[in-house]
Amino acid sequence: MIRQLAAVAAAATLLVTTLPAAQAAVAGPASPATCTKKVLDLPADSLGSGSARSADPSGRYILGQASREGRMHNQAVLWVDGVPRWLASQPDGETFAYSVIKGGFVLGTTYGDTTQHWIYSARSDSYRILDLGDVQYPEVSAMNENRDVLGTVLDPAGQRAPFVWPASGQPRQLPMPNGHSVESMDDISADGLVVGRLNLPEGGGTSFLWRPGQAQPTRLTGAGDERVWAREIQGRWIAGGNTDLDNPTGLLWNTRHNRTVRLEAPVADLNSSRDAVTSGLFGPLGDRASTLIRRDGTKLTFPEGTMLEHIFERGTQWTAAGYDVSSSPHQPLVYACE
């Protein structure tokens, strides 16, 4: 799973034309979203607050989280054809989930009597506990359609280090530049590209791209030495934005060409048709509407307080998913838009 035309005629090429990194792409005129909203049901013992975060390509399996009686944190929820299921490999554990892929396979972690990393199968309603062997204190964070798992481990020096566990092989550590440390490992593509955020020697963090067989990761950049974050890889595109709270902008990086596209807001998610949803902002830092920007440049705005987290593949029942922070409790939402 990912966060965010001088002329109207240029808007039609918004997500397919690559621009130099320093050049901004300005979205076309906004229009109110023509969408049907659905509030997703929550499990019976939920405390009523939840969010939809991701989905598999078919749209049948929607992954999110919700508050639950007796739990300290929000717990992982999988909606299967709209019906919610709590996910937990141990009945009383605290559970978090990170990725859902075709067929309803979910990567997650349950903290209970022991820490268990697992892949859940919605079809069989069963968990395969991942055995990472001798690696120290593993944490998982993403899974691609091949079921390759991305995460971090504790290296011999006691520092967090990124790793990939191929579905058909053994965990292998990814190279790290000297003086850097891991902040987060964010996504892995079907062909093995990895994005993660590293802390720089001088302080602060920014995102890097690992390519299979490459000796060191490549730093992703915006304008000049601008620091950035990348949320997901979709095909040849990486989606994210810069880290400037005073002037937040979205960024798309093309992995085959040294080009970027700049959007007016951070990109929360991208589908394979290069339609995007941008991150919303609501609260003391200000308000920014979540938007949907289709490949042809059409831009739809959503109500204040709507935080979009996912854009579905074209041809599925739904268009976008997220949650509503203006309501109390927060509501998990899906939209079908014209």
C-alpha atoms as a PDB file:
ATOM      1  CA  MET A   1       0.000   0.000   0.000  1.00  0.00           C
ATOM      2  CA  ILE A   2       0.876   5.214   0.044  1.00  0.00           C
ATOM      3  CA  ARG A   3       0.169   9.819   1.072  1.00  0.00           C
ATOM      4  CA  GLN A   4      -0.327  13.367  -2.126  1.00  0.00           C
ATOM      5  CA  LEU A   5      -1.514  22.579 -14.628  1.00  0.00           C
ATOM      6  CA  ALA A   6      -0.979  25.897 -15.049  1.00  0.00           C
ATOM      7  CA  ALA A   7      -3.658  25.620 -17.743  1.00  0.00           C
ATOM      8  CA  VAL A   8      -6.752  23.462 -17.750  1.00  0.00           C
ATOM      9  CA  ALA A   9      -5.527  21.787 -20.935  1.00  0.00           C
ATOM     10  CA  ALA A  10      -2.376  20.695 -19.092  1.00  0.00           C
ATOM     11  CA  ALA A  11      -4.440  19.023 -16.381  1.00  0.00           C
ATOM     12  CA  ALA A  12      -5.188  16.086 -18.665  1.00  0.00           C
ATOM     13  CA  THR A  13      -1.560  15.018 -18.408  1.00  0.00           C
ATOM     14  CA  LEU A  14      -1.235  15.467 -14.652  1.00  0.00           C
ATOM     15  CA  LEU A  15      -0.184  11.942 -13.758  1.00  0.00           C
ATOM     16  CA  VAL A  16       1.343  10.799 -17.009  1.00  0.00           C
ATOM     17  CA  THR A  17       3.680  13.665 -17.893  1.00  0.00           C
ATOM     18  CA  THR A  18       6.966  13.755 -16.008  1.00  0.00           C
ATOM     19  CA  LEU A  19       8.429  17.094 -15.002  1.00  0.00           C
ATOM     20  CA  PRO A  20      11.810  18.178 -13.618  1.00  0.00           C
ATOM     21  CA  ALA A  21      11.913  17.850  -9.842  1.00  0.00           C
ATOM     22  CA  ALA A  22      11.968  21.593  -9.264  1.00  0.00           C
ATOM     23  CA  GLN A  23       8.970  22.286 -11.499  1.00  0.00           C
ATOM     24  CA  ALA A  24       5.534  22.279  -9.853  1.00  0.00           C
ATOM     25  CA  ALA A  25       2.444  20.712 -11.386  1.00  0.00           C
ATOM     26  CA  VAL A  26      -0.680  22.628 -10.376  1.00  0.00           C
ATOM     27  CA  ALA A  27      -3.981  20.758 -10.316  1.00  0.00           C
ATOM     28  CA  GLY A  28      -6.925  21.867 -12.422  1.00  0.00           C
ATOM     29  CA  PRO A  29     -10.061  23.504 -11.023  1.00  0.00           C
ATOM     30  CA  ALA A  30     -11.674  21.707  -8.100  1.00  0.00           C
ATOM     31  CA  SER A  31     -15.292  20.601  -8.092  1.00  0.00           C
ATOM     32  CA  PRO A  32     -17.397  19.047  -5.314  1.00  0.00           C
ATOM     33  CA  ALA A  33     -17.188  15.270  -5.269  1.00  0.00           C
ATOM     34  CA  THR A  34     -20.210  13.523  -6.745  1.00  0.00           C
ATOM     35  CA  CYS A  35     -19.972  10.505  -4.516  1.00  0.00           C
ATOM     36  CA  THR A  36     -22.099   8.103  -2.526  1.00  0.00           C
ATOM     37  CA  LYS A  37     -20.764   7.636   1.011  1.00  0.00           C
ATOM     38  CA  LYS A  38     -21.064   4.451   3.029  1.00  0.00           C
ATOM     39  CA  VAL A  39     -20.122   4.096   6.706  1.00  0.00           C
ATOM     40  CA  LEU A  40     -18.598   0.663   7.205  1.00  0.00           C
ATOM     41  CA  ASP A  41     -20.044  -1.553   9.939  1.00  0.00           C
ATOM     42  CA  LEU A  42     -17.825  -2.267  12.937  1.00  0.00           C
ATOM     43  CA  PRO A  43     -17.618  -5.479  14.996  1.00  0.00           C
ATOM     44  CA  ALA A  44     -20.125  -5.823  17.832  1.00  0.00           C
ATOM     45  CA  ASP A  45     -17.660  -5.084  20.652  1.00  0.00           C
ATOM     46  CA  SER A  46     -16.123  -2.060  18.959  1.00  0.00           C
ATOM     47  CA  LEU A  47     -16.210   1.239  20.848  1.00  0.00           C
ATOM     48  CA  GLY A  48     -17.508   2.863  17.658  1.00  0.00           C
ATOM     49  CA  SER A  49     -14.440   4.599  16.218  1.00  0.00           C
ATOM     50  CA  GLY A  50     -12.577   3.290  13.187  1.00  0.00           C
ATOM     51  CA  SER A  51     -10.889   3.933   9.856  1.00  0.00           C
ATOM     52  CA  ALA A  52     -10.438   2.225   6.488  1.00  0.00           C
ATOM     53  CA  ARG A  53      -6.797   2.276   5.407  1.00  0.00           C
ATOM     54  CA  SER A  54      -6.158  -0.043   2.472  1.00  0.00           C
ATOM     55  CA  ALA A  55      -7.681  -2.681   0.181  1.00  0.00           C
ATOM     56  CA  ASP A  56      -6.708  -5.474  -2.167  1.00  0.00           C
ATOM     57  CA  PRO A  57      -7.008  -4.847  -5.957  1.00  0.00           C
ATOM     58  CA  SER A  58     -10.487  -6.415  -6.144  1.00  0.00           C
ATOM     59  CA  GLY A  59     -11.893  -4.159  -3.436  1.00  0.00           C
ATOM     60  CA  ARG A  60     -13.447  -7.151  -1.666  1.00  0.00           C
ATOM     61  CA  TYR A  61     -10.989  -7.002   1.225  1.00  0.00           C
ATOM     62  CA  ILE A  62     -10.670  -3.667   3.036  1.00  0.00           C
ATOM     63  CA  LEU A  63      -8.135  -3.310   5.838  1.00  0.00           C
ATOM     64  CA  GLY A  64      -8.425  -0.838   8.683  1.00  0.00           C
ATOM     65  CA  GLN A  65      -8.592  -0.463  12.416  1.00  0.00           C
ATOM     66  CA  ALA A  66     -11.058   0.302  15.189  1.00  0.00           C
ATOM     67  CA  SER A  67     -11.261   0.891  18.910  1.00  0.00           C
ATOM     68  CA  ARG A  68     -12.159  -2.214  20.900  1.00  0.00           C
ATOM     69  CA  GLU A  69     -13.321  -2.888  24.413  1.00  0.00           C
ATOM     70  CA  GLY A  70     -10.464  -3.900  26.713  1.00  0.00           C
ATOM     71  CA  ARG A  71      -7.690  -2.899  24.290  1.00  0.00           C
ATOM     72  CA  MET A  72      -5.188  -0.095  24.710  1.00  0.00           C
ATOM     73  CA  HIS A  73      -4.757   0.602  20.986  1.00  0.00           C
ATOM     74  CA  ASN A  74      -6.939   0.503  17.900  1.00  0.00           C
ATOM     75  CA  GLN A  75      -7.128  -3.074  16.643  1.00  0.00           C
ATOM     76  CA  ALA A  76      -6.853  -4.465  13.119  1.00  0.00           C
ATOM     77  CA  VAL A  77     -10.126  -5.006  11.230  1.00  0.00           C
ATOM     78  CA  LEU A  78     -10.642  -6.691   7.865  1.00  0.00           C
ATOM     79  CA  TRP A  79     -13.903  -6.100   6.005  1.00  0.00           C
ATOM     80  CA  VAL A  80     -14.739  -9.024   3.728  1.00  0.00           C
ATOM     81  CA  ASP A  81     -17.474  -7.967   1.281  1.00  0.00           C
ATOM     82  CA  GLY A  82     -18.446  -5.319   3.851  1.00  0.00           C
ATOM     83  CA  VAL A  83     -18.577  -7.659   6.868  1.00  0.00           C
ATOM     84  CA  PRO A  84     -15.993  -6.780   9.587  1.00  0.00           C
ATOM     85  CA  ARG A  85     -13.631  -9.256  11.259  1.00  0.00           C
ATOM     86  CA  TRP A  86     -11.241  -8.576  14.103  1.00  0.00           C
ATOM     87  CA  LEU A  87      -7.773  -9.916  13.340  1.00  0.00           C
ATOM     88  CA  ALA A  88      -5.692 -11.459  16.136  1.00  0.00           C
ATOM     89  CA  SER A  89      -3.500 -14.545  16.241  1.00  0.00           C
ATOM     90  CA  GLN A  90      -3.854 -14.537  20.058  1.00  0.00           C
ATOM     91  CA  PRO A  91      -7.345 -13.859  21.451  1.00  0.00           C
ATOM     92  CA  ASP A  92      -6.318 -11.259  24.059  1.00  0.00           C
ATOM     93  CA  GLY A  93      -3.428  -9.692  22.170  1.00  0.00           C
ATOM     94  CA  GLU A  94      -2.953  -6.193  20.762  1.00  0.00           C
ATOM     95  CA  THR A  95      -3.034  -6.545  16.959  1.00  0.00           C
ATOM     96  CA  PHE A  96      -1.810  -4.335  14.133  1.00  0.00           C
ATOM     97  CA  ALA A  97      -2.031  -5.027  10.394  1.00  0.00           C
ATOM     98  CA  TYR A  98      -0.003  -3.455   7.583  1.00  0.00           C
ATOM     99  CA  SER A  99      -0.868  -4.837   4.132  1.00  0.00           C
ATOM    100  CA  VAL A 100      -3.682  -6.666   2.370  1.00  0.00           C
ATOM    101  CA  ILE A 101      -3.137  -8.286  -1.038  1.00  0.00           C
ATOM    102  CA  LYS A 102      -5.053 -10.209  -3.681  1.00  0.00           C
ATOM    103  CA  GLY A 103      -6.918 -13.194  -2.264  1.00  0.00           C
ATOM    104  CA  GLY A 104      -7.411 -11.595   1.145  1.00  0.00           C
ATOM    105  CA  PHE A 105      -3.960 -12.228   2.598  1.00  0.00           C
ATOM    106  CA  VAL A 106      -3.041  -9.798   5.392  1.00  0.00           C
ATOM    107  CA  LEU A 107       0.314  -9.118   7.046  1.00  0.00           C
ATOM    108  CA  GLY A 108       0.130  -8.282  10.736  1.00  0.00           C
ATOM    109  CA  THR A 109       1.522  -8.580  14.253  1.00  0.00           C
ATOM    110  CA  THR A 110      -0.082  -9.598  17.537  1.00  0.00           C
ATOM    111  CA  TYR A 111       1.518  -8.685  20.864  1.00  0.00           C
ATOM    112  CA  GLY A 112       0.304 -11.059  23.553  1.00  0.00           C
ATOM    113  CA  ASP A 113       1.962 -13.793  25.586  1.00  0.00           C
ATOM    114  CA  THR A 114       4.499 -13.761  22.761  1.00  0.00           C
ATOM    115  CA  THR A 115       5.028 -11.499  19.755  1.00  0.00           C
ATOM    116  CA  GLN A 116       3.676 -13.170  16.632  1.00  0.00           C
ATOM    117  CA  HIS A 117       4.130 -11.892  13.075  1.00  0.00           C
ATOM    118  CA  TRP A 118       1.696 -13.575  10.712  1.00  0.00           C
ATOM    119  CA  ILE A 119       0.001 -13.745   7.340  1.00  0.00           C
ATOM    120  CA  TYR A 120      -3.756 -14.177   7.659  1.00  0.00           C
ATOM    121  CA  SER A 121      -5.872 -15.879   4.979  1.00  0.00           C
ATOM    122  CA  ALA A 122      -9.420 -14.524   4.771  1.00  0.00           C
ATOM    123  CA  ARG A 123     -10.550 -17.517   2.714  1.00  0.00           C
ATOM    124  CA  SER A 124      -9.486 -20.108   5.291  1.00  0.00           C
ATOM    125  CA  ASP A 125      -9.798 -17.766   8.308  1.00  0.00           C
ATOM    126  CA  SER A 126      -6.386 -18.917   9.491  1.00  0.00           C
ATOM    127  CA  TYR A 127      -2.994 -17.514  10.470  1.00  0.00           C
ATOM    128  CA  ARG A 128       0.439 -18.610   9.303  1.00  0.00           C
ATOM    129  CA  ILE A 129       2.905 -17.575  11.993  1.00  0.00           C
ATOM    130  CA  LEU A 130       6.126 -16.302  10.436  1.00  0.00           C
ATOM    131  CA  ASP A 131       9.322 -17.929  11.704  1.00  0.00           C
ATOM    132  CA  LEU A 132      12.155 -15.467  11.178  1.00  0.00           C
ATOM    133  CA  GLY A 133      14.747 -17.847  12.596  1.00  0.00           C
ATOM    134  CA  ASP A 134      17.686 -16.299  14.423  1.00  0.00           C
ATOM    135  CA  VAL A 135      17.110 -12.657  13.520  1.00  0.00           C
ATOM    136  CA  GLN A 136      16.877 -10.395  16.565  1.00  0.00           C
ATOM    137  CA  TYR A 137      13.676  -8.494  17.449  1.00  0.00           C
ATOM    138  CA  PRO A 138      12.101  -8.453  13.994  1.00  0.00           C
ATOM    139  CA  GLU A 139       9.371  -5.966  13.108  1.00  0.00           C
ATOM    140  CA  VAL A 140       7.317  -6.208   9.902  1.00  0.00           C
ATOM    141  CA  SER A 141       5.775  -3.313   7.997  1.00  0.00           C
ATOM    142  CA  ALA A 142       4.702  -4.240   4.441  1.00  0.00           C
ATOM    143  CA  MET A 143       4.052  -7.144   2.054  1.00  0.00           C
ATOM    144  CA  ASN A 144       3.865  -7.254  -1.745  1.00  0.00           C
ATOM    145  CA  GLU A 145       1.668  -9.389  -4.001  1.00  0.00           C
ATOM    146  CA  ASN A 146       4.306 -12.157  -3.995  1.00  0.00           C
ATOM    147  CA  ARG A 147       4.059 -12.264  -0.177  1.00  0.00           C
ATOM    148  CA  ASP A 148       7.594 -10.951   0.220  1.00  0.00           C
ATOM    149  CA  VAL A 149       7.761  -9.244   3.620  1.00  0.00           C
ATOM    150  CA  LEU A 150       9.544  -5.988   4.484  1.00  0.00           C
ATOM    151  CA  GLY A 151      10.626  -4.995   7.975  1.00  0.00           C
ATOM    152  CA  THR A 152      13.502  -4.290  10.335  1.00  0.00           C
ATOM    153  CA  VAL A 153      15.727  -6.344  12.628  1.00  0.00           C
ATOM    154  CA  LEU A 154      18.288  -5.551  15.290  1.00  0.00           C
ATOM    155  CA  ASP A 155      21.782  -5.831  13.794  1.00  0.00           C
ATOM    156  CA  PRO A 156      24.919  -7.002  15.718  1.00  0.00           C
ATOM    157  CA  ALA A 157      25.646  -3.373  16.686  1.00  0.00           C
ATOM    158  CA  GLY A 158      22.220  -3.061  18.321  1.00  0.00           C
ATOM    159  CA  GLN A 159      20.810  -0.763  15.598  1.00  0.00           C
ATOM    160  CA  ARG A 160      17.599  -1.251  13.585  1.00  0.00           C
ATOM    161  CA  ALA A 161      18.385  -2.469  10.074  1.00  0.00           C
ATOM    162  CA  PRO A 162      16.019  -3.022   7.112  1.00  0.00           C
ATOM    163  CA  PHE A 163      15.375  -6.528   5.791  1.00  0.00           C
ATOM    164  CA  VAL A 164      13.368  -8.294   3.097  1.00  0.00           C
ATOM    165  CA  TRP A 165      12.079 -11.828   3.552  1.00  0.00           C
ATOM    166  CA  PRO A 166      11.292 -13.275   0.107  1.00  0.00           C
ATOM    167  CA  ALA A 167       8.346 -15.675   0.146  1.00  0.00           C
ATOM    168  CA  SER A 168      10.569 -18.426  -1.281  1.00  0.00           C
ATOM    169  CA  GLY A 169      13.798 -17.662   0.582  1.00  0.00           C
ATOM    170  CA  GLN A 170      15.474 -16.501   3.767  1.00  0.00           C
ATOM    171  CA  PRO A 171      15.474 -13.005   5.324  1.00  0.00           C
ATOM    172  CA  ARG A 172      18.226 -10.776   3.934  1.00  0.00           C
ATOM    173  CA  GLN A 173      19.410  -7.462   5.261  1.00  0.00           C
ATOM    174  CA  LEU A 174      19.322  -4.390   3.013  1.00  0.00           C
ATOM    175  CA  PRO A 175      22.362  -2.096   2.716  1.00  0.00           C
ATOM    176  CA  MET A 176      22.475   1.102   4.773  1.00  0.00           C
ATOM    177  CA  PRO A 177      24.519   4.270   4.141  1.00  0.00           C
ATOM    178  CA  ASN A 178      27.097   4.983   6.839  1.00  0.00           C
ATOM    179  CA  GLY A 179      25.869   7.205   9.641  1.00  0.00           C
ATOM    180  CA  HIS A 180      22.173   6.710   8.850  1.00  0.00           C
ATOM    181  CA  SER A 181      19.536   4.985  10.980  1.00  0.00           C
ATOM    182  CA  VAL A 182      16.101   3.569  10.199  1.00  0.00           C
ATOM    183  CA  GLU A 183      13.016   5.636  10.935  1.00  0.00           C
ATOM    184  CA  SER A 184      10.507   3.472   9.025  1.00  0.00           C
ATOM    185  CA  MET A 185      10.323   0.941   6.206  1.00  0.00           C
ATOM    186  CA  ASP A 186       7.246   1.767   4.165  1.00  0.00           C
ATOM    187  CA  ASP A 187       6.589  -0.355   1.074  1.00  0.00           C
ATOM    188  CA  ILE A 188       7.877  -3.102  -1.205  1.00  0.00           C
ATOM    189  CA  SER A 189       6.783  -3.561  -4.816  1.00  0.00           C
ATOM    190  CA  ALA A 190       6.191  -6.815  -6.712  1.00  0.00           C
ATOM    191  CA  ASP A 191       9.553  -6.442  -8.457  1.00  0.00           C
ATOM    192  CA  GLY A 192      11.460  -5.846  -5.226  1.00  0.00           C
ATOM    193  CA  LEU A 193      11.718  -2.058  -5.048  1.00  0.00           C
ATOM    194  CA  VAL A 194      11.675  -0.807  -1.456  1.00  0.00           C
ATOM    195  CA  VAL A 195      11.035   2.633   0.024  1.00  0.00           C
ATOM    196  CA  GLY A 196      11.899   3.579   3.574  1.00  0.00           C
ATOM    197  CA  ARG A 197      12.694   6.614   5.657  1.00  0.00           C
ATOM    198  CA  LEU A 198      16.179   7.053   7.149  1.00  0.00           C
ATOM    199  CA  ASN A 199      17.493   9.498   9.716  1.00  0.00           C
ATOM    200  CA  LEU A 200      20.407  11.517   8.308  1.00  0.00           C
ATOM    201  CA  PRO A 201      23.738  11.956  10.137  1.00  0.00           C
ATOM    202  CA  GLU A 202      23.064  15.679  10.553  1.00  0.00           C
ATOM    203  CA  GLY A 203      19.605  14.982  12.008  1.00  0.00           C
ATOM    204  CA  GLY A 204      16.103  14.666  10.595  1.00  0.00           C
ATOM    205  CA  GLY A 205      14.836  12.107   8.144  1.00  0.00           C
ATOM    206  CA  THR A 206      14.036  11.647   4.471  1.00  0.00           C
ATOM    207  CA  SER A 207      13.031   8.762   2.183  1.00  0.00           C
ATOM    208  CA  PHE A 208      15.272   6.428   0.190  1.00  0.00           C
ATOM    209  CA  LEU A 209      14.724   3.891  -2.599  1.00  0.00           C
ATOM    210  CA  TRP A 210      16.362   0.438  -2.617  1.00  0.00           C
ATOM    211  CA  ARG A 211      16.636  -1.408  -5.923  1.00  0.00           C
ATOM    212  CA  PRO A 212      17.426  -5.148  -6.097  1.00  0.00           C
ATOM    213  CA  GLY A 213      21.167  -5.690  -6.457  1.00  0.00           C
ATOM    214  CA  GLN A 214      22.015  -2.036  -5.822  1.00  0.00           C
ATOM    215  CA  ALA A 215      24.954  -1.514  -3.448  1.00  0.00           C
ATOM    216  CA  GLN A 216      23.327   1.408  -1.632  1.00  0.00           C
ATOM    217  CA  PRO A 217      19.864   3.013  -1.601  1.00  0.00           C
ATOM    218  CA  THR A 218      19.189   6.229  -3.522  1.00  0.00           C
ATOM    219  CA  ARG A 219      17.907   9.286  -1.724  1.00  0.00           C
ATOM    220  CA  LEU A 220      14.577  10.588  -3.038  1.00  0.00           C
ATOM    221  CA  THR A 221      14.472  14.351  -3.453  1.00  0.00           C
ATOM    222  CA  GLY A 222      12.030  17.133  -4.164  1.00  0.00           C
ATOM    223  CA  ALA A 223      13.161  20.635  -5.040  1.00  0.00           C
ATOM    224  CA  GLY A 224      16.893  20.922  -4.362  1.00  0.00           C
ATOM    225  CA  ASP A 225      17.780  19.281  -1.045  1.00  0.00           C
ATOM    226  CA  GLU A 226      14.147  19.187   0.112  1.00  0.00           C
ATOM    227  CA  ARG A 227      13.377  16.379   2.543  1.00  0.00           C
ATOM    228  CA  VAL A 228      10.553  14.069   1.598  1.00  0.00           C
ATOM    229  CA  TRP A 229       8.519  11.065   2.657  1.00  0.00           C
ATOM    230  CA  ALA A 230       7.337   8.238   0.407  1.00  0.00           C
ATOM    231  CA  ARG A 231       4.344   6.128   1.339  1.00  0.00           C
ATOM    232  CA  GLU A 232       3.967   3.513  -1.389  1.00  0.00           C
ATOM    233  CA  ILE A 233       5.112   2.127  -4.712  1.00  0.00           C
ATOM    234  CA  GLN A 234       2.516   1.534  -7.438  1.00  0.00           C
ATOM    235  CA  GLY A 235       3.932   0.143 -10.672  1.00  0.00           C
ATOM    236  CA  ARG A 236       6.652   2.523 -11.857  1.00  0.00           C
ATOM    237  CA  TRP A 237       5.495   5.317  -9.518  1.00  0.00           C
ATOM    238  CA  ILE A 238       6.328   6.202  -5.917  1.00  0.00           C
ATOM    239  CA  ALA A 239       3.850   8.450  -4.075  1.00  0.00           C
ATOM    240  CA  GLY A 240       4.455  10.823  -1.176  1.00  0.00           C
ATOM    241  CA  GLY A 241       5.263  14.442  -0.468  1.00  0.00           C
ATOM    242  CA  ASN A 242       7.624  16.882   1.167  1.00  0.00           C
ATOM    243  CA  THR A 243       7.972  17.462   4.918  1.00  0.00           C
ATOM    244  CA  ASP A 244       7.388  21.223   4.960  1.00  0.00           C
ATOM    245  CA  LEU A 245       4.341  21.845   7.180  1.00  0.00           C
ATOM    246  CA  ASP A 246       4.175  25.473   6.056  1.00  0.00           C
ATOM    247  CA  ASN A 247       4.160  24.574   2.359  1.00  0.00           C
ATOM    248  CA  PRO A 248       3.110  20.913   2.001  1.00  0.00           C
ATOM    249  CA  THR A 249       3.179  19.544  -1.534  1.00  0.00           C
ATOM    250  CA  GLY A 250       2.745  16.131  -3.101  1.00  0.00           C
ATOM    251  CA  LEU A 251       5.389  14.279  -5.068  1.00  0.00           C
ATOM    252  CA  LEU A 252       5.333  11.386  -7.523  1.00  0.00           C
ATOM    253  CA  TRP A 253       8.646   9.812  -8.488  1.00  0.00           C
ATOM    254  CA  ASN A 254       9.008   7.739 -11.657  1.00  0.00           C
ATOM    255  CA  THR A 255      11.261   4.758 -10.910  1.00  0.00           C
ATOM    256  CA  ARG A 256      12.332   4.330 -14.553  1.00  0.00           C
ATOM    257  CA  HIS A 257      13.237   7.954 -15.225  1.00  0.00           C
ATOM    258  CA  ASN A 258      14.888  10.587 -13.048  1.00  0.00           C
ATOM    259  CA  ARG A 259      11.749  12.730 -13.032  1.00  0.00           C
ATOM    260  CA  THR A 260       9.185  13.858 -10.488  1.00  0.00           C
ATOM    261  CA  VAL A 261       5.693  15.312 -10.608  1.00  0.00           C
ATOM    262  CA  ARG A 262       4.723  17.863  -7.975  1.00  0.00           C
ATOM    263  CA  LEU A 263       1.108  18.145  -6.786  1.00  0.00           C
ATOM    264  CA  GLU A 264      -0.542  20.693  -4.543  1.00  0.00           C
ATOM    265  CA  ALA A 265      -0.964  18.337  -1.545  1.00  0.00           C
ATOM    266  CA  PRO A 266       0.788  15.221  -0.187  1.00  0.00           C
ATOM    267  CA  VAL A 267      -0.308  12.020  -1.921  1.00  0.00           C
ATOM    268  CA  ALA A 268      -1.886   9.465   0.396  1.00  0.00           C
ATOM    269  CA  ASP A 269      -2.385   6.737  -2.212  1.00  0.00           C
ATOM    270  CA  LEU A 270      -2.101   5.937  -5.909  1.00  0.00           C
ATOM    271  CA  ASN A 271      -3.728   3.211  -8.005  1.00  0.00           C
ATOM    272  CA  SER A 272      -2.403   1.410 -11.078  1.00  0.00           C
ATOM    273  CA  SER A 273      -4.265   3.855 -13.378  1.00  0.00           C
ATOM    274  CA  ARG A 274      -2.333   6.724 -11.747  1.00  0.00           C
ATOM    275  CA  ASP A 275      -5.403   8.187 -10.078  1.00  0.00           C
ATOM    276  CA  ALA A 276      -4.419   9.724  -6.729  1.00  0.00           C
ATOM    277  CA  VAL A 277      -5.930  10.764  -3.433  1.00  0.00           C
ATOM    278  CA  THR A 278      -4.277  13.480  -1.369  1.00  0.00           C
ATOM    279  CA  SER A 279      -3.958  13.640   2.390  1.00  0.00           C
ATOM    280  CA  GLY A 280      -6.361  15.825   4.307  1.00  0.00           C
ATOM    281  CA  LEU A 281      -5.572  17.942   7.348  1.00  0.00           C
ATOM    282  CA  PHE A 282      -8.009  18.871  10.093  1.00  0.00           C
ATOM    283  CA  GLY A 283      -7.321  20.515  13.437  1.00  0.00           C
ATOM    284  CA  PRO A 284      -4.937  22.999  15.079  1.00  0.00           C
ATOM    285  CA  LEU A 285      -2.432  22.874  12.216  1.00  0.00           C
ATOM    286  CA  GLY A 286      -5.131  24.037   9.811  1.00  0.00           C
ATOM    287  CA  ASP A 287      -7.636  22.486   7.432  1.00  0.00           C
ATOM    288  CA  ARG A 288      -6.916  20.986   4.034  1.00  0.00           C
ATOM    289  CA  ALA A 289      -9.521  19.066   2.078  1.00  0.00           C
ATOM    290  CA  SER A 290      -8.754  15.562   0.871  1.00  0.00           C
ATOM    291  CA  THR A 291      -8.989  15.347  -2.899  1.00  0.00           C
ATOM    292  CA  LEU A 292      -9.214  12.743  -5.617  1.00  0.00           C
ATOM    293  CA  ILE A 293      -7.217  13.548  -8.766  1.00  0.00           C
ATOM    294  CA  ARG A 294      -7.940  11.268 -11.686  1.00  0.00           C
ATOM    295  CA  ARG A 295      -5.435  10.526 -14.422  1.00  0.00           C
ATOM    296  CA  ASP A 296      -7.256  12.910 -16.786  1.00  0.00           C
ATOM    297  CA  GLY A 297      -6.772  15.776 -14.302  1.00  0.00           C
ATOM    298  CA  THR A 298     -10.325  15.809 -12.901  1.00  0.00           C
ATOM    299  CA  LYS A 299     -10.167  16.879  -9.273  1.00  0.00           C
ATOM    300  CA  LEU A 300     -12.886  16.060  -6.728  1.00  0.00           C
ATOM    301  CA  THR A 301     -12.947  17.603  -3.255  1.00  0.00           C
ATOM    302  CA  PHE A 302     -14.347  15.899  -0.162  1.00  0.00           C
ATOM    303  CA  PRO A 303     -16.109  17.330   2.893  1.00  0.00           C
ATOM    304  CA  GLU A 304     -14.054  18.991   5.606  1.00  0.00           C
ATOM    305  CA  GLY A 305     -12.796  16.418   8.065  1.00  0.00           C
ATOM    306  CA  THR A 306     -12.665  13.563   5.528  1.00  0.00           C
ATOM    307  CA  MET A 307      -9.252  11.902   5.623  1.00  0.00           C
ATOM    308  CA  LEU A 308      -8.707   9.751   2.517  1.00  0.00           C
ATOM    309  CA  GLU A 309      -6.231   6.892   2.931  1.00  0.00           C
ATOM    310  CA  HIS A 310      -6.847   4.662  -0.104  1.00  0.00           C
ATOM    311  CA  ILE A 311      -7.900   4.852  -3.734  1.00  0.00           C
ATOM    312  CA  PHE A 312      -9.368   1.698  -5.242  1.00  0.00           C
ATOM    313  CA  GLU A 313      -8.577   0.243  -8.634  1.00  0.00           C
ATOM    314  CA  ARG A 314     -10.872   1.340 -11.445  1.00  0.00           C
ATOM    315  CA  GLY A 315     -13.767  -1.005 -12.113  1.00  0.00           C
ATOM    316  CA  THR A 316     -14.306  -1.951  -8.465  1.00  0.00           C
ATOM    317  CA  GLN A 317     -17.371  -1.085  -6.400  1.00  0.00           C
ATOM    318  CA  TRP A 318     -15.654   1.716  -4.482  1.00  0.00           C
ATOM    319  CA  THR A 319     -13.506   4.714  -5.379  1.00  0.00           C
ATOM    320  CA  ALA A 320     -11.838   5.867  -2.156  1.00  0.00           C
ATOM    321  CA  ALA A 321     -11.653   4.945   1.526  1.00  0.00           C
ATOM    322  CA  GLY A 322     -10.720   6.687   4.732  1.00  0.00           C
ATOM    323  CA  TYR A 323     -12.414   8.081   7.803  1.00  0.00           C
ATOM    324  CA  ASP A 324     -14.219  11.144   9.124  1.00  0.00           C
ATOM    325  CA  VAL A 325     -12.473  13.047  11.926  1.00  0.00           C
ATOM    326  CA  SER A 326     -15.207  15.689  12.197  1.00  0.00           C
ATOM    327  CA  SER A 327     -17.561  13.116  13.698  1.00  0.00           C
ATOM    328  CA  SER A 328     -17.319  11.607  17.150  1.00  0.00           C
ATOM    329  CA  PRO A 329     -16.579   8.751  17.142  1.00  0.00           C
ATOM    330  CA  HIS A 330     -14.573   8.690  13.903  1.00  0.00           C
ATOM    331  CA  GLN A 331     -16.353   6.768  11.159  1.00  0.00           C
ATOM    332  CA  PRO A 332     -14.687   4.350   8.691  1.00  0.00           C
ATOM    333  CA  LEU A 333     -15.843   5.387   5.213  1.00  0.00           C
ATOM    334  CA  VAL A 334     -15.853   4.202   1.620  1.00  0.00           C
ATOM    335  CA  TYR A 335     -16.999   6.310  -1.331  1.00  0.00           C
ATOM    336  CA  ALA A 336     -18.336   5.420  -4.776  1.00  0.00           C
ATOM    337  CA  CYS A 337     -17.716   8.439  -7.023  1.00  0.00           C
ATOM    338  CA  GLU A 338     -18.900   9.239 -10.533  1.00  0.00           C
END
